[in-house]
N, C-alpha and C. Protein backbone atom coordinates (compact mmCIF):
# COMPACT_ATOMS: atom_id res chain seq x y z
N MET A 1 0.84 -1.18 0.00
CA MET A 1 0.00 0.00 0.00
C MET A 1 0.88 1.24 0.00
N ASP A 2 0.54 2.18 -0.84
CA ASP A 2 1.26 3.44 -0.94
C ASP A 2 1.16 4.20 0.39
N LYS A 3 2.28 4.74 0.89
CA LYS A 3 2.28 5.43 2.18
C LYS A 3 1.37 6.64 2.20
N GLU A 4 1.18 7.31 1.07
CA GLU A 4 0.34 8.49 1.00
C GLU A 4 -1.15 8.15 0.96
N LYS A 5 -1.47 6.94 0.58
CA LYS A 5 -2.86 6.52 0.45
C LYS A 5 -3.41 6.10 1.81
N LYS A 6 -4.53 6.69 2.20
CA LYS A 6 -5.18 6.34 3.46
C LYS A 6 -5.92 5.02 3.29
N GLU A 7 -5.82 4.17 4.28
CA GLU A 7 -6.51 2.88 4.25
C GLU A 7 -8.02 3.10 4.33
N SER A 8 -8.75 2.52 3.40
CA SER A 8 -10.20 2.68 3.37
C SER A 8 -10.86 1.82 4.45
N ALA A 9 -12.12 2.11 4.72
CA ALA A 9 -12.89 1.32 5.67
C ALA A 9 -12.97 -0.14 5.21
N ALA A 10 -13.15 -0.34 3.91
CA ALA A 10 -13.23 -1.70 3.38
C ALA A 10 -11.90 -2.43 3.55
N GLU A 11 -10.79 -1.72 3.33
CA GLU A 11 -9.48 -2.33 3.53
C GLU A 11 -9.28 -2.74 4.99
N LYS A 12 -9.74 -1.89 5.91
CA LYS A 12 -9.63 -2.21 7.34
C LYS A 12 -10.43 -3.46 7.68
N MET A 13 -11.58 -3.62 7.06
CA MET A 13 -12.44 -4.78 7.34
C MET A 13 -11.94 -6.05 6.66
N LEU A 14 -11.55 -5.94 5.40
CA LEU A 14 -11.24 -7.12 4.61
C LEU A 14 -9.76 -7.46 4.51
N GLY A 15 -8.91 -6.46 4.69
CA GLY A 15 -7.48 -6.71 4.49
C GLY A 15 -7.26 -7.17 3.06
N ASN A 16 -6.55 -8.27 2.92
CA ASN A 16 -6.27 -8.82 1.59
C ASN A 16 -7.15 -10.04 1.31
N PHE A 17 -8.24 -10.20 2.07
CA PHE A 17 -9.07 -11.39 1.96
C PHE A 17 -9.80 -11.50 0.62
N ALA A 18 -10.36 -10.40 0.13
CA ALA A 18 -11.12 -10.41 -1.13
C ALA A 18 -10.72 -9.18 -1.94
N PRO A 19 -9.54 -9.21 -2.54
CA PRO A 19 -9.02 -8.02 -3.21
C PRO A 19 -9.90 -7.48 -4.34
N LYS A 20 -10.57 -8.35 -5.08
CA LYS A 20 -11.43 -7.90 -6.17
C LYS A 20 -12.64 -7.13 -5.63
N LEU A 21 -13.29 -7.69 -4.61
CA LEU A 21 -14.43 -7.01 -4.00
C LEU A 21 -13.99 -5.69 -3.37
N LEU A 22 -12.84 -5.69 -2.74
CA LEU A 22 -12.28 -4.48 -2.16
C LEU A 22 -12.06 -3.42 -3.24
N GLY A 23 -11.52 -3.82 -4.35
CA GLY A 23 -11.29 -2.88 -5.46
C GLY A 23 -12.59 -2.30 -5.99
N TYR A 24 -13.61 -3.13 -6.17
CA TYR A 24 -14.91 -2.63 -6.63
C TYR A 24 -15.51 -1.68 -5.60
N THR A 25 -15.38 -2.03 -4.32
CA THR A 25 -15.94 -1.19 -3.26
C THR A 25 -15.28 0.18 -3.25
N ASP A 26 -13.97 0.19 -3.25
CA ASP A 26 -13.24 1.46 -3.17
C ASP A 26 -13.27 2.27 -4.46
N ASN A 27 -13.09 1.60 -5.60
CA ASN A 27 -12.95 2.32 -6.86
C ASN A 27 -14.26 2.60 -7.58
N VAL A 28 -15.17 1.64 -7.56
CA VAL A 28 -16.43 1.81 -8.29
C VAL A 28 -17.51 2.40 -7.37
N LEU A 29 -17.82 1.69 -6.27
CA LEU A 29 -18.90 2.14 -5.39
C LEU A 29 -18.58 3.49 -4.74
N PHE A 30 -17.50 3.55 -3.96
CA PHE A 30 -17.17 4.81 -3.27
C PHE A 30 -16.29 5.72 -4.11
N GLY A 31 -15.93 5.28 -5.29
CA GLY A 31 -15.18 6.10 -6.22
C GLY A 31 -16.13 6.70 -7.25
N ASP A 32 -16.33 6.01 -8.35
CA ASP A 32 -17.16 6.52 -9.45
C ASP A 32 -18.58 6.86 -9.03
N LEU A 33 -19.26 5.96 -8.34
CA LEU A 33 -20.66 6.16 -8.01
C LEU A 33 -20.86 7.33 -7.04
N TRP A 34 -20.17 7.32 -5.91
CA TRP A 34 -20.36 8.35 -4.90
C TRP A 34 -19.79 9.70 -5.33
N GLU A 35 -18.90 9.72 -6.33
CA GLU A 35 -18.30 10.97 -6.77
C GLU A 35 -19.05 11.61 -7.95
N GLY A 36 -20.13 10.99 -8.41
CA GLY A 36 -20.90 11.55 -9.52
C GLY A 36 -21.41 12.95 -9.19
N LYS A 37 -21.49 13.78 -10.18
CA LYS A 37 -21.87 15.19 -9.98
C LYS A 37 -23.38 15.44 -10.09
N GLU A 38 -24.14 14.46 -10.55
CA GLU A 38 -25.58 14.64 -10.76
C GLU A 38 -26.37 14.73 -9.45
N LEU A 39 -25.87 14.08 -8.42
CA LEU A 39 -26.51 14.12 -7.10
C LEU A 39 -25.47 14.52 -6.06
N SER A 40 -25.92 15.21 -5.03
CA SER A 40 -25.00 15.56 -3.94
C SER A 40 -24.77 14.32 -3.07
N ARG A 41 -23.74 14.38 -2.24
CA ARG A 41 -23.49 13.29 -1.31
C ARG A 41 -24.65 13.17 -0.32
N ARG A 42 -25.23 14.29 0.05
CA ARG A 42 -26.39 14.28 0.96
C ARG A 42 -27.56 13.51 0.32
N GLU A 43 -27.83 13.82 -0.95
CA GLU A 43 -28.90 13.12 -1.67
C GLU A 43 -28.59 11.63 -1.80
N ARG A 44 -27.35 11.32 -2.12
CA ARG A 44 -26.95 9.91 -2.26
C ARG A 44 -27.11 9.17 -0.93
N SER A 45 -26.76 9.84 0.16
CA SER A 45 -26.91 9.21 1.48
C SER A 45 -28.38 8.97 1.80
N LEU A 46 -29.22 9.93 1.50
CA LEU A 46 -30.65 9.78 1.75
C LEU A 46 -31.22 8.60 0.97
N ILE A 47 -30.86 8.50 -0.29
CA ILE A 47 -31.31 7.40 -1.14
C ILE A 47 -30.78 6.06 -0.62
N THR A 48 -29.53 6.04 -0.24
CA THR A 48 -28.90 4.80 0.25
C THR A 48 -29.56 4.32 1.53
N VAL A 49 -29.77 5.24 2.48
CA VAL A 49 -30.42 4.86 3.74
C VAL A 49 -31.82 4.31 3.45
N ALA A 50 -32.56 4.97 2.59
CA ALA A 50 -33.92 4.51 2.25
C ALA A 50 -33.88 3.12 1.63
N ALA A 51 -32.95 2.89 0.73
CA ALA A 51 -32.85 1.58 0.08
C ALA A 51 -32.46 0.49 1.09
N LEU A 52 -31.55 0.81 1.99
CA LEU A 52 -31.13 -0.18 2.99
C LEU A 52 -32.25 -0.50 3.97
N VAL A 53 -33.03 0.51 4.36
CA VAL A 53 -34.18 0.26 5.23
C VAL A 53 -35.20 -0.62 4.49
N ALA A 54 -35.50 -0.25 3.25
CA ALA A 54 -36.50 -0.98 2.45
C ALA A 54 -36.09 -2.44 2.25
N GLY A 55 -34.81 -2.67 2.05
CA GLY A 55 -34.33 -4.03 1.83
C GLY A 55 -33.98 -4.76 3.10
N GLU A 56 -34.14 -4.09 4.23
CA GLU A 56 -33.80 -4.63 5.54
C GLU A 56 -32.35 -5.13 5.59
N HIS A 57 -31.47 -4.28 5.08
CA HIS A 57 -30.03 -4.59 5.05
C HIS A 57 -29.35 -3.93 6.25
N THR A 58 -29.67 -4.42 7.43
CA THR A 58 -29.19 -3.80 8.65
C THR A 58 -27.68 -3.92 8.83
N GLY A 59 -27.06 -4.87 8.19
CA GLY A 59 -25.61 -5.02 8.28
C GLY A 59 -24.87 -3.82 7.73
N GLN A 60 -25.43 -3.15 6.76
CA GLN A 60 -24.82 -1.97 6.15
C GLN A 60 -25.43 -0.66 6.65
N LEU A 61 -26.58 -0.75 7.26
CA LEU A 61 -27.33 0.46 7.63
C LEU A 61 -26.62 1.32 8.66
N LYS A 62 -26.04 0.72 9.67
CA LYS A 62 -25.39 1.49 10.73
C LYS A 62 -24.29 2.38 10.15
N PHE A 63 -23.46 1.82 9.30
CA PHE A 63 -22.41 2.61 8.65
C PHE A 63 -23.02 3.77 7.88
N HIS A 64 -24.06 3.48 7.10
CA HIS A 64 -24.63 4.51 6.23
C HIS A 64 -25.42 5.57 6.99
N LEU A 65 -25.96 5.24 8.15
CA LEU A 65 -26.59 6.27 8.97
C LEU A 65 -25.55 7.29 9.42
N ASN A 66 -24.41 6.82 9.86
CA ASN A 66 -23.35 7.73 10.28
C ASN A 66 -22.71 8.44 9.09
N TYR A 67 -22.60 7.76 7.96
CA TYR A 67 -22.07 8.37 6.74
C TYR A 67 -23.01 9.49 6.29
N ALA A 68 -24.31 9.27 6.43
CA ALA A 68 -25.30 10.30 6.07
C ALA A 68 -25.13 11.54 6.94
N LYS A 69 -24.83 11.34 8.21
CA LYS A 69 -24.59 12.48 9.09
C LYS A 69 -23.35 13.26 8.64
N GLU A 70 -22.33 12.56 8.18
CA GLU A 70 -21.13 13.22 7.65
C GLU A 70 -21.49 14.06 6.41
N HIS A 71 -22.55 13.68 5.71
CA HIS A 71 -22.96 14.38 4.49
C HIS A 71 -24.07 15.39 4.75
N GLY A 72 -24.31 15.74 6.01
CA GLY A 72 -25.21 16.84 6.32
C GLY A 72 -26.60 16.49 6.77
N LEU A 73 -26.96 15.22 6.79
CA LEU A 73 -28.27 14.84 7.30
C LEU A 73 -28.22 14.82 8.83
N THR A 74 -29.28 15.28 9.46
CA THR A 74 -29.33 15.28 10.93
C THR A 74 -29.95 13.98 11.42
N GLU A 75 -29.76 13.72 12.70
CA GLU A 75 -30.40 12.54 13.29
C GLU A 75 -31.91 12.66 13.18
N ASP A 76 -32.45 13.84 13.41
CA ASP A 76 -33.91 14.03 13.29
C ASP A 76 -34.40 13.73 11.88
N GLU A 77 -33.65 14.15 10.87
CA GLU A 77 -34.05 13.86 9.49
C GLU A 77 -34.01 12.36 9.22
N LEU A 78 -32.98 11.70 9.70
CA LEU A 78 -32.86 10.26 9.47
C LEU A 78 -33.96 9.48 10.20
N ILE A 79 -34.30 9.91 11.40
CA ILE A 79 -35.42 9.29 12.12
C ILE A 79 -36.72 9.49 11.35
N GLU A 80 -36.91 10.68 10.79
CA GLU A 80 -38.11 10.96 10.00
C GLU A 80 -38.16 10.11 8.73
N VAL A 81 -37.02 9.90 8.09
CA VAL A 81 -36.96 9.04 6.90
C VAL A 81 -37.42 7.62 7.26
N ILE A 82 -36.90 7.09 8.34
CA ILE A 82 -37.27 5.74 8.76
C ILE A 82 -38.75 5.67 9.11
N THR A 83 -39.25 6.68 9.82
CA THR A 83 -40.67 6.73 10.18
C THR A 83 -41.53 6.78 8.92
N HIS A 84 -41.16 7.61 7.97
CA HIS A 84 -41.89 7.73 6.70
C HIS A 84 -41.91 6.38 5.97
N LEU A 85 -40.76 5.70 5.98
CA LEU A 85 -40.66 4.43 5.26
C LEU A 85 -41.49 3.31 5.89
N ALA A 86 -41.85 3.46 7.15
CA ALA A 86 -42.65 2.42 7.81
C ALA A 86 -43.92 2.14 7.03
N PHE A 87 -44.51 3.17 6.45
CA PHE A 87 -45.77 3.02 5.72
C PHE A 87 -45.58 2.51 4.30
N TYR A 88 -44.39 2.58 3.79
CA TYR A 88 -44.13 2.14 2.41
C TYR A 88 -43.37 0.81 2.34
N THR A 89 -42.57 0.52 3.36
CA THR A 89 -41.76 -0.70 3.31
C THR A 89 -42.19 -1.74 4.32
N GLY A 90 -42.96 -1.33 5.31
CA GLY A 90 -43.43 -2.25 6.33
C GLY A 90 -42.93 -1.88 7.71
N TRP A 91 -43.82 -2.07 8.66
CA TRP A 91 -43.53 -1.70 10.05
C TRP A 91 -42.32 -2.44 10.61
N PRO A 92 -42.22 -3.78 10.42
CA PRO A 92 -41.06 -4.49 10.99
C PRO A 92 -39.72 -3.98 10.47
N LYS A 93 -39.65 -3.64 9.20
CA LYS A 93 -38.40 -3.11 8.65
C LYS A 93 -38.05 -1.79 9.30
N ALA A 94 -39.04 -0.93 9.47
CA ALA A 94 -38.80 0.38 10.08
C ALA A 94 -38.41 0.22 11.55
N MET A 95 -39.05 -0.68 12.26
CA MET A 95 -38.71 -0.89 13.67
C MET A 95 -37.29 -1.43 13.82
N SER A 96 -36.90 -2.35 12.95
CA SER A 96 -35.52 -2.85 12.99
C SER A 96 -34.53 -1.72 12.71
N ALA A 97 -34.86 -0.91 11.72
CA ALA A 97 -33.98 0.21 11.35
C ALA A 97 -33.90 1.26 12.45
N ILE A 98 -35.03 1.57 13.09
CA ILE A 98 -35.03 2.62 14.11
C ILE A 98 -34.27 2.16 15.35
N MET A 99 -34.34 0.88 15.67
CA MET A 99 -33.57 0.36 16.80
C MET A 99 -32.07 0.44 16.52
N LEU A 100 -31.70 0.15 15.30
CA LEU A 100 -30.30 0.25 14.91
C LEU A 100 -29.85 1.71 14.92
N ALA A 101 -30.71 2.62 14.46
CA ALA A 101 -30.39 4.05 14.47
C ALA A 101 -30.22 4.54 15.91
N LYS A 102 -31.10 4.10 16.79
CA LYS A 102 -31.03 4.50 18.20
C LYS A 102 -29.68 4.09 18.78
N GLU A 103 -29.28 2.87 18.50
CA GLU A 103 -27.97 2.36 18.97
C GLU A 103 -26.83 3.16 18.37
N ALA A 104 -26.88 3.41 17.07
CA ALA A 104 -25.80 4.15 16.39
C ALA A 104 -25.69 5.58 16.91
N PHE A 105 -26.81 6.24 17.12
CA PHE A 105 -26.79 7.63 17.54
C PHE A 105 -26.41 7.78 19.01
N GLU A 106 -26.73 6.81 19.83
CA GLU A 106 -26.38 6.87 21.25
C GLU A 106 -24.88 6.72 21.47
N LYS A 107 -24.21 6.01 20.57
CA LYS A 107 -22.77 5.78 20.71
C LYS A 107 -21.94 6.99 20.31
N LYS A 108 -22.54 7.97 19.68
CA LYS A 108 -21.79 9.15 19.22
C LYS A 108 -21.83 10.24 20.24
């Protein structure tokens, strides 16, 4: 690894275990996709959180709730997103997501 290059979150988690997946994560997902100019990072975070709640992907949700805060979304806005989604994605999904959000926000 180049000394000037900061180790990514994916690199910290995976090390050299799955180099291809790591490359796609860092270069395509958090590179090309997240760096697109058509949507702001705030908008991308809002969309991502909504998709993760809808798909009940709680394994990734905690990271993205905090990532959304880094991109300007407030805890109140994120709670409102989850509450709004309860009626469109299902109550159990929203309850699982809100419990995870409560845990993530309390640790900060």
